[in-house]
């Protein structure tokens, strides 16, 4: 359960192991990775994920990290690093923090 940051952490922990699968329940503020494959509602159905078929996804190696939906540098990376500060503003919630 989590969002893009949680998925990033999990992927980096399991990358390189054989026969590993993971599922995601979207509880993040953006859930960008989930939107690549379906809706938040579809992924919230844990039973459907357990009964479903795993698919292989591509991975991007950026230095010593692995990314599965984006790898940013320059201005975009700076914006992403500041995003955590925006999430602290009470009226700026969910996707609007991006």
PDB file of N, CA and C in Angstrom:
ATOM      1  N   UNK A   1       0.843  -1.184   0.000  1.00  0.00           N
ATOM      2  CA  UNK A   1       0.000   0.000   0.000  1.00  0.00           C
ATOM      3  C   UNK A   1       0.881   1.238   0.000  1.00  0.00           C
ATOM      4  N   UNK A   2       0.598   2.163  -0.859  1.00  0.00           N
ATOM      5  CA  UNK A   2       1.375   3.386  -0.950  1.00  0.00           C
ATOM      6  C   UNK A   2       1.244   3.996  -2.325  1.00  0.00           C
ATOM      7  N   UNK A   3       2.209   4.822  -2.659  1.00  0.00           N
ATOM      8  CA  UNK A   3       2.197   5.493  -3.947  1.00  0.00           C
ATOM      9  C   UNK A   3       3.470   5.226  -4.722  1.00  0.00           C
ATOM     10  N   UNK A   4       3.812   6.175  -5.573  1.00  0.00           N
ATOM     11  CA  UNK A   4       4.974   6.010  -6.441  1.00  0.00           C
ATOM     12  C   UNK A   4       6.272   5.853  -5.651  1.00  0.00           C
ATOM     13  N   UNK A   5       6.407   6.560  -4.554  1.00  0.00           N
ATOM     14  CA  UNK A   5       7.614   6.436  -3.730  1.00  0.00           C
ATOM     15  C   UNK A   5       7.747   5.053  -3.118  1.00  0.00           C
ATOM     16  N   UNK A   6       6.646   4.501  -2.669  1.00  0.00           N
ATOM     17  CA  UNK A   6       6.657   3.147  -2.106  1.00  0.00           C
ATOM     18  C   UNK A   6       6.996   2.123  -3.181  1.00  0.00           C
ATOM     19  N   UNK A   7       6.417   2.288  -4.358  1.00  0.00           N
ATOM     20  CA  UNK A   7       6.728   1.377  -5.465  1.00  0.00           C
ATOM     21  C   UNK A   7       8.207   1.467  -5.817  1.00  0.00           C
ATOM     22  N   UNK A   8       8.755   2.679  -5.858  1.00  0.00           N
ATOM     23  CA  UNK A   8      10.179   2.871  -6.128  1.00  0.00           C
ATOM     24  C   UNK A   8      11.028   2.106  -5.111  1.00  0.00           C
ATOM     25  N   UNK A   9      10.687   2.241  -3.830  1.00  0.00           N
ATOM     26  CA  UNK A   9      11.446   1.547  -2.778  1.00  0.00           C
ATOM     27  C   UNK A   9      11.349   0.030  -2.918  1.00  0.00           C
ATOM     28  N   UNK A  10      10.159  -0.478  -3.196  1.00  0.00           N
ATOM     29  CA  UNK A  10       9.969  -1.927  -3.336  1.00  0.00           C
ATOM     30  C   UNK A  10      10.740  -2.451  -4.538  1.00  0.00           C
ATOM     31  N   UNK A  11      10.616  -1.774  -5.665  1.00  0.00           N
ATOM     32  CA  UNK A  11      11.326  -2.210  -6.872  1.00  0.00           C
ATOM     33  C   UNK A  11      12.830  -2.245  -6.623  1.00  0.00           C
ATOM     34  N   UNK A  12      13.359  -1.243  -5.948  1.00  0.00           N
ATOM     35  CA  UNK A  12      14.795  -1.219  -5.679  1.00  0.00           C
ATOM     36  C   UNK A  12      15.213  -2.307  -4.697  1.00  0.00           C
ATOM     37  N   UNK A  13      14.300  -2.748  -3.851  1.00  0.00           N
ATOM     38  CA  UNK A  13      14.614  -3.835  -2.914  1.00  0.00           C
ATOM     39  C   UNK A  13      14.563  -5.204  -3.584  1.00  0.00           C
ATOM     40  N   UNK A  14      13.679  -5.394  -4.552  1.00  0.00           N
ATOM     41  CA  UNK A  14      13.510  -6.724  -5.148  1.00  0.00           C
ATOM     42  C   UNK A  14      14.221  -6.888  -6.485  1.00  0.00           C
ATOM     43  N   UNK A  15      14.693  -5.805  -7.067  1.00  0.00           N
ATOM     44  CA  UNK A  15      15.330  -5.876  -8.384  1.00  0.00           C
ATOM     45  C   UNK A  15      16.537  -6.822  -8.350  1.00  0.00           C
ATOM     46  N   UNK A  16      16.610  -7.678  -9.341  1.00  0.00           N
ATOM     47  CA  UNK A  16      17.728  -8.617  -9.435  1.00  0.00           C
ATOM     48  C   UNK A  16      17.414 -10.006  -8.917  1.00  0.00           C
ATOM     49  N   UNK A  17      16.314 -10.144  -8.196  1.00  0.00           N
ATOM     50  CA  UNK A  17      15.902 -11.464  -7.721  1.00  0.00           C
ATOM     51  C   UNK A  17      15.050 -12.142  -8.791  1.00  0.00           C
ATOM     52  N   UNK A  18      15.175 -13.442  -8.907  1.00  0.00           N
ATOM     53  CA  UNK A  18      14.374 -14.195  -9.866  1.00  0.00           C
ATOM     54  C   UNK A  18      12.995 -14.507  -9.295  1.00  0.00           C
ATOM     55  N   UNK A  19      12.011 -14.611 -10.174  1.00  0.00           N
ATOM     56  CA  UNK A  19      10.661 -15.055  -9.817  1.00  0.00           C
ATOM     57  C   UNK A  19      10.028 -14.232  -8.704  1.00  0.00           C
ATOM     58  N   UNK A  20      10.160 -12.929  -8.783  1.00  0.00           N
ATOM     59  CA  UNK A  20       9.563 -12.041  -7.786  1.00  0.00           C
ATOM     60  C   UNK A  20       8.443 -11.246  -8.451  1.00  0.00           C
ATOM     61  N   UNK A  21       7.321 -11.160  -7.760  1.00  0.00           N
ATOM     62  CA  UNK A  21       6.194 -10.362  -8.229  1.00  0.00           C
ATOM     63  C   UNK A  21       5.805  -9.395  -7.125  1.00  0.00           C
ATOM     64  N   UNK A  22       5.241  -8.254  -7.505  1.00  0.00           N
ATOM     65  CA  UNK A  22       4.686  -7.350  -6.501  1.00  0.00           C
ATOM     66  C   UNK A  22       3.379  -6.783  -7.022  1.00  0.00           C
ATOM     67  N   UNK A  23       2.528  -6.408  -6.108  1.00  0.00           N
ATOM     68  CA  UNK A  23       1.257  -5.777  -6.441  1.00  0.00           C
ATOM     69  C   UNK A  23       1.197  -4.454  -5.697  1.00  0.00           C
ATOM     70  N   UNK A  24       0.431  -3.532  -6.224  1.00  0.00           N
ATOM     71  CA  UNK A  24       0.346  -2.207  -5.620  1.00  0.00           C
ATOM     72  C   UNK A  24      -1.101  -1.848  -5.314  1.00  0.00           C
ATOM     73  N   UNK A  25      -1.335  -1.368  -4.107  1.00  0.00           N
ATOM     74  CA  UNK A  25      -2.627  -0.814  -3.723  1.00  0.00           C
ATOM     75  C   UNK A  25      -2.411   0.692  -3.615  1.00  0.00           C
ATOM     76  N   UNK A  26      -3.050   1.491  -4.476  1.00  0.00           N
ATOM     77  CA  UNK A  26      -2.733   2.913  -4.594  1.00  0.00           C
ATOM     78  C   UNK A  26      -3.251   3.764  -3.434  1.00  0.00           C
ATOM     79  N   UNK A  27      -2.347   4.123  -2.540  1.00  0.00           N
ATOM     80  CA  UNK A  27      -2.703   5.005  -1.434  1.00  0.00           C
ATOM     81  C   UNK A  27      -1.827   6.253  -1.414  1.00  0.00           C
ATOM     82  N   UNK A  28      -1.129   6.522  -2.507  1.00  0.00           N
ATOM     83  CA  UNK A  28      -0.279   7.703  -2.592  1.00  0.00           C
ATOM     84  C   UNK A  28      -1.070   8.922  -3.036  1.00  0.00           C
ATOM     85  N   UNK A  29      -0.387  10.048  -3.117  1.00  0.00           N
ATOM     86  CA  UNK A  29      -1.061  11.281  -3.533  1.00  0.00           C
ATOM     87  C   UNK A  29      -1.148  11.403  -5.049  1.00  0.00           C
ATOM     88  N   UNK A  30      -0.201  10.822  -5.777  1.00  0.00           N
ATOM     89  CA  UNK A  30      -0.218  10.935  -7.232  1.00  0.00           C
ATOM     90  C   UNK A  30      -0.575   9.651  -7.941  1.00  0.00           C
ATOM     91  N   UNK A  31       0.018   8.547  -7.523  1.00  0.00           N
ATOM     92  CA  UNK A  31      -0.232   7.220  -8.110  1.00  0.00           C
ATOM     93  C   UNK A  31      -0.028   7.200  -9.630  1.00  0.00           C
ATOM     94  N   UNK A  32       1.034   7.857 -10.072  1.00  0.00           N
ATOM     95  CA  UNK A  32       1.329   7.943 -11.496  1.00  0.00           C
ATOM     96  C   UNK A  32       1.570   6.569 -12.110  1.00  0.00           C
ATOM     97  N   UNK A  33       2.297   5.713 -11.421  1.00  0.00           N
ATOM     98  CA  UNK A  33       2.586   4.374 -11.929  1.00  0.00           C
ATOM     99  C   UNK A  33       1.300   3.588 -12.164  1.00  0.00           C
ATOM    100  N   UNK A  34       0.365   3.661 -11.234  1.00  0.00           N
ATOM    101  CA  UNK A  34      -0.905   2.940 -11.336  1.00  0.00           C
ATOM    102  C   UNK A  34      -1.670   3.385 -12.584  1.00  0.00           C
ATOM    103  N   UNK A  35      -1.648   4.684 -12.879  1.00  0.00           N
ATOM    104  CA  UNK A  35      -2.392   5.204 -14.034  1.00  0.00           C
ATOM    105  C   UNK A  35      -1.863   4.673 -15.360  1.00  0.00           C
ATOM    106  N   UNK A  36      -0.637   4.172 -15.380  1.00  0.00           N
ATOM    107  CA  UNK A  36      -0.110   3.576 -16.608  1.00  0.00           C
ATOM    108  C   UNK A  36      -0.849   2.292 -16.974  1.00  0.00           C
ATOM    109  N   UNK A  37      -1.452   1.648 -15.983  1.00  0.00           N
ATOM    110  CA  UNK A  37      -2.039   0.322 -16.187  1.00  0.00           C
ATOM    111  C   UNK A  37      -3.537   0.252 -15.934  1.00  0.00           C
ATOM    112  N   UNK A  38      -4.119   1.255 -15.327  1.00  0.00           N
ATOM    113  CA  UNK A  38      -5.540   1.213 -15.027  1.00  0.00           C
ATOM    114  C   UNK A  38      -5.922   2.299 -14.042  1.00  0.00           C
ATOM    115  N   UNK A  39      -7.066   2.117 -13.406  1.00  0.00           N
ATOM    116  CA  UNK A  39      -7.572   3.102 -12.460  1.00  0.00           C
ATOM    117  C   UNK A  39      -7.233   2.700 -11.030  1.00  0.00           C
ATOM    118  N   UNK A  40      -7.303   3.692 -10.129  1.00  0.00           N
ATOM    119  CA  UNK A  40      -7.068   3.399  -8.712  1.00  0.00           C
ATOM    120  C   UNK A  40      -8.074   2.375  -8.202  1.00  0.00           C
ATOM    121  N   UNK A  41      -9.301   2.469  -8.693  1.00  0.00           N
ATOM    122  CA  UNK A  41     -10.346   1.545  -8.253  1.00  0.00           C
ATOM    123  C   UNK A  41     -10.025   0.103  -8.655  1.00  0.00           C
ATOM    124  N   UNK A  42      -9.494  -0.078  -9.851  1.00  0.00           N
ATOM    125  CA  UNK A  42      -9.126  -1.428 -10.289  1.00  0.00           C
ATOM    126  C   UNK A  42      -8.033  -2.009  -9.398  1.00  0.00           C
ATOM    127  N   UNK A  43      -7.060  -1.194  -9.048  1.00  0.00           N
ATOM    128  CA  UNK A  43      -5.945  -1.684  -8.243  1.00  0.00           C
ATOM    129  C   UNK A  43      -6.303  -1.818  -6.769  1.00  0.00           C
ATOM    130  N   UNK A  44      -7.371  -1.169  -6.335  1.00  0.00           N
ATOM    131  CA  UNK A  44      -7.804  -1.292  -4.943  1.00  0.00           C
ATOM    132  C   UNK A  44      -8.434  -2.653  -4.673  1.00  0.00           C
ATOM    133  N   UNK A  45      -8.807  -3.373  -5.713  1.00  0.00           N
ATOM    134  CA  UNK A  45      -9.397  -4.707  -5.577  1.00  0.00           C
ATOM    135  C   UNK A  45      -8.273  -5.728  -5.383  1.00  0.00           C
ATOM    136  N   UNK A  46      -7.911  -5.961  -4.131  1.00  0.00           N
ATOM    137  CA  UNK A  46      -6.791  -6.851  -3.806  1.00  0.00           C
ATOM    138  C   UNK A  46      -7.068  -8.274  -4.284  1.00  0.00           C
ATOM    139  N   UNK A  47      -8.297  -8.727  -4.151  1.00  0.00           N
ATOM    140  CA  UNK A  47      -8.645 -10.074  -4.604  1.00  0.00           C
ATOM    141  C   UNK A  47      -8.385 -10.261  -6.088  1.00  0.00           C
ATOM    142  N   UNK A  48      -8.734  -9.250  -6.876  1.00  0.00           N
ATOM    143  CA  UNK A  48      -8.490  -9.325  -8.321  1.00  0.00           C
ATOM    144  C   UNK A  48      -6.993  -9.360  -8.617  1.00  0.00           C
ATOM    145  N   UNK A  49      -6.211  -8.657  -7.823  1.00  0.00           N
ATOM    146  CA  UNK A  49      -4.760  -8.687  -8.028  1.00  0.00           C
ATOM    147  C   UNK A  49      -4.191 -10.062  -7.699  1.00  0.00           C
ATOM    148  N   UNK A  50      -4.676 -10.655  -6.624  1.00  0.00           N
ATOM    149  CA  UNK A  50      -4.195 -11.985  -6.233  1.00  0.00           C
ATOM    150  C   UNK A  50      -4.560 -13.014  -7.297  1.00  0.00           C
ATOM    151  N   UNK A  51      -5.774 -12.913  -7.830  1.00  0.00           N
ATOM    152  CA  UNK A  51      -6.238 -13.861  -8.842  1.00  0.00           C
ATOM    153  C   UNK A  51      -5.746 -13.529 -10.249  1.00  0.00           C
ATOM    154  N   UNK A  52      -5.186 -12.345 -10.436  1.00  0.00           N
ATOM    155  CA  UNK A  52      -4.768 -11.893 -11.761  1.00  0.00           C
ATOM    156  C   UNK A  52      -3.471 -12.537 -12.234  1.00  0.00           C
ATOM    157  N   UNK A  53      -3.058 -12.135 -13.401  1.00  0.00           N
ATOM    158  CA  UNK A  53      -1.835 -12.637 -14.013  1.00  0.00           C
ATOM    159  C   UNK A  53      -0.773 -11.547 -13.972  1.00  0.00           C
ATOM    160  N   UNK A  54       0.395 -11.884 -13.483  1.00  0.00           N
ATOM    161  CA  UNK A  54       1.493 -10.917 -13.417  1.00  0.00           C
ATOM    162  C   UNK A  54       2.002 -10.610 -14.823  1.00  0.00           C
ATOM    163  N   UNK A  55       2.430  -9.376 -15.024  1.00  0.00           N
ATOM    164  CA  UNK A  55       3.045  -8.992 -16.292  1.00  0.00           C
ATOM    165  C   UNK A  55       4.465  -8.496 -16.022  1.00  0.00           C
ATOM    166  N   UNK A  56       5.318  -8.635 -17.002  1.00  0.00           N
ATOM    167  CA  UNK A  56       6.671  -8.102 -16.883  1.00  0.00           C
ATOM    168  C   UNK A  56       6.648  -6.635 -17.287  1.00  0.00           C
ATOM    169  N   UNK A  57       7.464  -5.832 -16.592  1.00  0.00           N
ATOM    170  CA  UNK A  57       7.585  -4.420 -16.933  1.00  0.00           C
ATOM    171  C   UNK A  57       9.055  -4.087 -17.155  1.00  0.00           C
ATOM    172  N   UNK A  58       9.286  -3.062 -17.929  1.00  0.00           N
ATOM    173  CA  UNK A  58      10.646  -2.596 -18.146  1.00  0.00           C
ATOM    174  C   UNK A  58      11.120  -1.804 -16.937  1.00  0.00           C
ATOM    175  N   UNK A  59      12.422  -1.768 -16.762  1.00  0.00           N
ATOM    176  CA  UNK A  59      13.027  -0.993 -15.682  1.00  0.00           C
ATOM    177  C   UNK A  59      14.107  -0.095 -16.271  1.00  0.00           C
ATOM    178  N   UNK A  60      14.307   1.052 -15.631  1.00  0.00           N
ATOM    179  CA  UNK A  60      15.309   2.019 -16.058  1.00  0.00           C
ATOM    180  C   UNK A  60      16.378   2.096 -14.973  1.00  0.00           C
ATOM    181  N   UNK A  61      17.625   1.873 -15.338  1.00  0.00           N
ATOM    182  CA  UNK A  61      18.712   1.990 -14.368  1.00  0.00           C
ATOM    183  C   UNK A  61      19.272   3.405 -14.448  1.00  0.00           C
ATOM    184  N   UNK A  62      19.174   4.131 -13.351  1.00  0.00           N
ATOM    185  CA  UNK A  62      19.685   5.507 -13.242  1.00  0.00           C
ATOM    186  C   UNK A  62      20.730   5.516 -12.136  1.00  0.00           C
ATOM    187  N   UNK A  63      21.993   5.461 -12.512  1.00  0.00           N
ATOM    188  CA  UNK A  63      23.041   5.371 -11.499  1.00  0.00           C
ATOM    189  C   UNK A  63      22.919   4.055 -10.768  1.00  0.00           C
ATOM    190  N   UNK A  64      22.736   4.127  -9.463  1.00  0.00           N
ATOM    191  CA  UNK A  64      22.588   2.902  -8.671  1.00  0.00           C
ATOM    192  C   UNK A  64      21.137   2.625  -8.296  1.00  0.00           C
ATOM    193  N   UNK A  65      20.197   3.316  -8.912  1.00  0.00           N
ATOM    194  CA  UNK A  65      18.770   3.150  -8.625  1.00  0.00           C
ATOM    195  C   UNK A  65      18.039   2.590  -9.838  1.00  0.00           C
ATOM    196  N   UNK A  66      16.892   1.975  -9.567  1.00  0.00           N
ATOM    197  CA  UNK A  66      16.027   1.416 -10.599  1.00  0.00           C
ATOM    198  C   UNK A  66      14.701   2.177 -10.577  1.00  0.00           C
ATOM    199  N   UNK A  67      14.249   2.603 -11.741  1.00  0.00           N
ATOM    200  CA  UNK A  67      12.962   3.290 -11.863  1.00  0.00           C
ATOM    201  C   UNK A  67      12.059   2.473 -12.786  1.00  0.00           C
ATOM    202  N   UNK A  68      10.750   2.548 -12.562  1.00  0.00           N
ATOM    203  CA  UNK A  68       9.821   1.799 -13.408  1.00  0.00           C
ATOM    204  C   UNK A  68       8.803   2.677 -14.126  1.00  0.00           C
ATOM    205  N   UNK A  69       8.711   3.953 -13.779  1.00  0.00           N
ATOM    206  CA  UNK A  69       7.795   4.781 -14.561  1.00  0.00           C
ATOM    207  C   UNK A  69       8.390   6.108 -15.003  1.00  0.00           C
ATOM    208  N   UNK A  70       9.439   6.578 -14.368  1.00  0.00           N
ATOM    209  CA  UNK A  70      10.118   7.769 -14.862  1.00  0.00           C
ATOM    210  C   UNK A  70      11.479   7.909 -14.205  1.00  0.00           C
ATOM    211  N   UNK A  71      12.341   8.600 -14.910  1.00  0.00           N
ATOM    212  CA  UNK A  71      13.667   8.914 -14.395  1.00  0.00           C
ATOM    213  C   UNK A  71      13.933  10.351 -14.821  1.00  0.00           C
ATOM    214  N   UNK A  72      14.064  11.249 -13.865  1.00  0.00           N
ATOM    215  CA  UNK A  72      14.160  12.674 -14.177  1.00  0.00           C
ATOM    216  C   UNK A  72      15.545  13.225 -13.886  1.00  0.00           C
ATOM    217  N   UNK A  73      15.877  14.281 -14.618  1.00  0.00           N
ATOM    218  CA  UNK A  73      17.120  14.993 -14.337  1.00  0.00           C
ATOM    219  C   UNK A  73      16.896  16.468 -14.643  1.00  0.00           C
ATOM    220  N   UNK A  74      17.793  17.299 -14.175  1.00  0.00           N
ATOM    221  CA  UNK A  74      17.690  18.730 -14.434  1.00  0.00           C
ATOM    222  C   UNK A  74      16.521  19.363 -13.710  1.00  0.00           C
ATOM    223  N   UNK A  75      15.814  20.263 -14.408  1.00  0.00           N
ATOM    224  CA  UNK A  75      14.722  21.018 -13.807  1.00  0.00           C
ATOM    225  C   UNK A  75      13.631  20.115 -13.257  1.00  0.00           C
ATOM    226  N   UNK A  76      13.252  19.094 -14.008  1.00  0.00           N
ATOM    227  CA  UNK A  76      12.195  18.183 -13.570  1.00  0.00           C
ATOM    228  C   UNK A  76      12.570  17.493 -12.264  1.00  0.00           C
ATOM    229  N   UNK A  77      13.812  17.078 -12.139  1.00  0.00           N
ATOM    230  CA  UNK A  77      14.266  16.441 -10.902  1.00  0.00           C
ATOM    231  C   UNK A  77      14.226  17.421  -9.738  1.00  0.00           C
ATOM    232  N   UNK A  78      14.564  18.682  -9.992  1.00  0.00           N
ATOM    233  CA  UNK A  78      14.511  19.706  -8.943  1.00  0.00           C
ATOM    234  C   UNK A  78      13.071  19.921  -8.485  1.00  0.00           C
ATOM    235  N   UNK A  79      12.145  19.973  -9.429  1.00  0.00           N
ATOM    236  CA  UNK A  79      10.727  20.125  -9.088  1.00  0.00           C
ATOM    237  C   UNK A  79      10.262  18.944  -8.234  1.00  0.00           C
ATOM    238  N   UNK A  80      10.632  17.734  -8.623  1.00  0.00           N
ATOM    239  CA  UNK A  80      10.246  16.539  -7.858  1.00  0.00           C
ATOM    240  C   UNK A  80      10.809  16.580  -6.443  1.00  0.00           C
ATOM    241  N   UNK A  81      12.016  17.089  -6.294  1.00  0.00           N
ATOM    242  CA  UNK A  81      12.617  17.134  -4.955  1.00  0.00           C
ATOM    243  C   UNK A  81      11.906  18.145  -4.061  1.00  0.00           C
ATOM    244  N   UNK A  82      11.317  19.178  -4.645  1.00  0.00           N
ATOM    245  CA  UNK A  82      10.590  20.197  -3.871  1.00  0.00           C
ATOM    246  C   UNK A  82       9.148  19.793  -3.591  1.00  0.00           C
ATOM    247  N   UNK A  83       8.664  18.787  -4.283  1.00  0.00           N
ATOM    248  CA  UNK A  83       7.269  18.370  -4.160  1.00  0.00           C
ATOM    249  C   UNK A  83       6.907  18.007  -2.733  1.00  0.00           C
ATOM    250  N   UNK A  84       7.822  17.442  -1.990  1.00  0.00           N
ATOM    251  CA  UNK A  84       7.540  17.069  -0.597  1.00  0.00           C
ATOM    252  C   UNK A  84       7.180  18.297   0.230  1.00  0.00           C
ATOM    253  N   UNK A  85       7.794  19.440  -0.066  1.00  0.00           N
ATOM    254  CA  UNK A  85       7.466  20.676   0.651  1.00  0.00           C
ATOM    255  C   UNK A  85       6.043  21.128   0.335  1.00  0.00           C
ATOM    256  N   UNK A  86       5.628  20.993  -0.923  1.00  0.00           N
ATOM    257  CA  UNK A  86       4.274  21.383  -1.303  1.00  0.00           C
ATOM    258  C   UNK A  86       3.227  20.526  -0.601  1.00  0.00           C
ATOM    259  N   UNK A  87       3.541  19.267  -0.361  1.00  0.00           N
ATOM    260  CA  UNK A  87       2.577  18.374   0.284  1.00  0.00           C
ATOM    261  C   UNK A  87       2.314  18.768   1.734  1.00  0.00           C
ATOM    262  N   UNK A  88       3.158  19.617   2.308  1.00  0.00           N
ATOM    263  CA  UNK A  88       2.970  20.066   3.691  1.00  0.00           C
ATOM    264  C   UNK A  88       1.966  21.207   3.791  1.00  0.00           C
ATOM    265  N   UNK A  89       1.607  21.814   2.674  1.00  0.00           N
ATOM    266  CA  UNK A  89       0.630  22.902   2.665  1.00  0.00           C
ATOM    267  C   UNK A  89      -0.763  22.285   2.799  1.00  0.00           C
ATOM    268  N   UNK A  90      -1.507  22.633   3.872  1.00  0.00           N
ATOM    269  CA  UNK A  90      -2.778  21.945   4.175  1.00  0.00           C
ATOM    270  C   UNK A  90      -3.791  21.938   3.035  1.00  0.00           C
ATOM    271  N   UNK A  91      -3.944  23.022   2.314  1.00  0.00           N
ATOM    272  CA  UNK A  91      -4.961  23.090   1.265  1.00  0.00           C
ATOM    273  C   UNK A  91      -4.479  22.554  -0.075  1.00  0.00           C
ATOM    274  N   UNK A  92      -3.214  22.170  -0.159  1.00  0.00           N
ATOM    275  CA  UNK A  92      -2.648  21.644  -1.395  1.00  0.00           C
ATOM    276  C   UNK A  92      -2.473  20.139  -1.222  1.00  0.00           C
ATOM    277  N   UNK A  93      -3.494  19.386  -1.609  1.00  0.00           N
ATOM    278  CA  UNK A  93      -3.491  17.950  -1.345  1.00  0.00           C
ATOM    279  C   UNK A  93      -3.557  17.144  -2.636  1.00  0.00           C
ATOM    280  N   UNK A  94      -3.293  15.869  -2.514  1.00  0.00           N
ATOM    281  CA  UNK A  94      -3.418  14.951  -3.643  1.00  0.00           C
ATOM    282  C   UNK A  94      -2.575  15.363  -4.829  1.00  0.00           C
ATOM    283  N   UNK A  95      -3.144  15.223  -6.011  1.00  0.00           N
ATOM    284  CA  UNK A  95      -2.417  15.506  -7.245  1.00  0.00           C
ATOM    285  C   UNK A  95      -2.056  16.972  -7.397  1.00  0.00           C
ATOM    286  N   UNK A  96      -2.804  17.866  -6.750  1.00  0.00           N
ATOM    287  CA  UNK A  96      -2.507  19.296  -6.888  1.00  0.00           C
ATOM    288  C   UNK A  96      -1.152  19.662  -6.294  1.00  0.00           C
ATOM    289  N   UNK A  97      -0.598  18.818  -5.432  1.00  0.00           N
ATOM    290  CA  UNK A  97       0.731  19.078  -4.867  1.00  0.00           C
ATOM    291  C   UNK A  97       1.823  18.925  -5.915  1.00  0.00           C
ATOM    292  N   UNK A  98       1.481  18.341  -7.044  1.00  0.00           N
ATOM    293  CA  UNK A  98       2.456  18.144  -8.114  1.00  0.00           C
ATOM    294  C   UNK A  98       2.397  19.283  -9.096  1.00  0.00           C
TER     295      UNK A  98
END
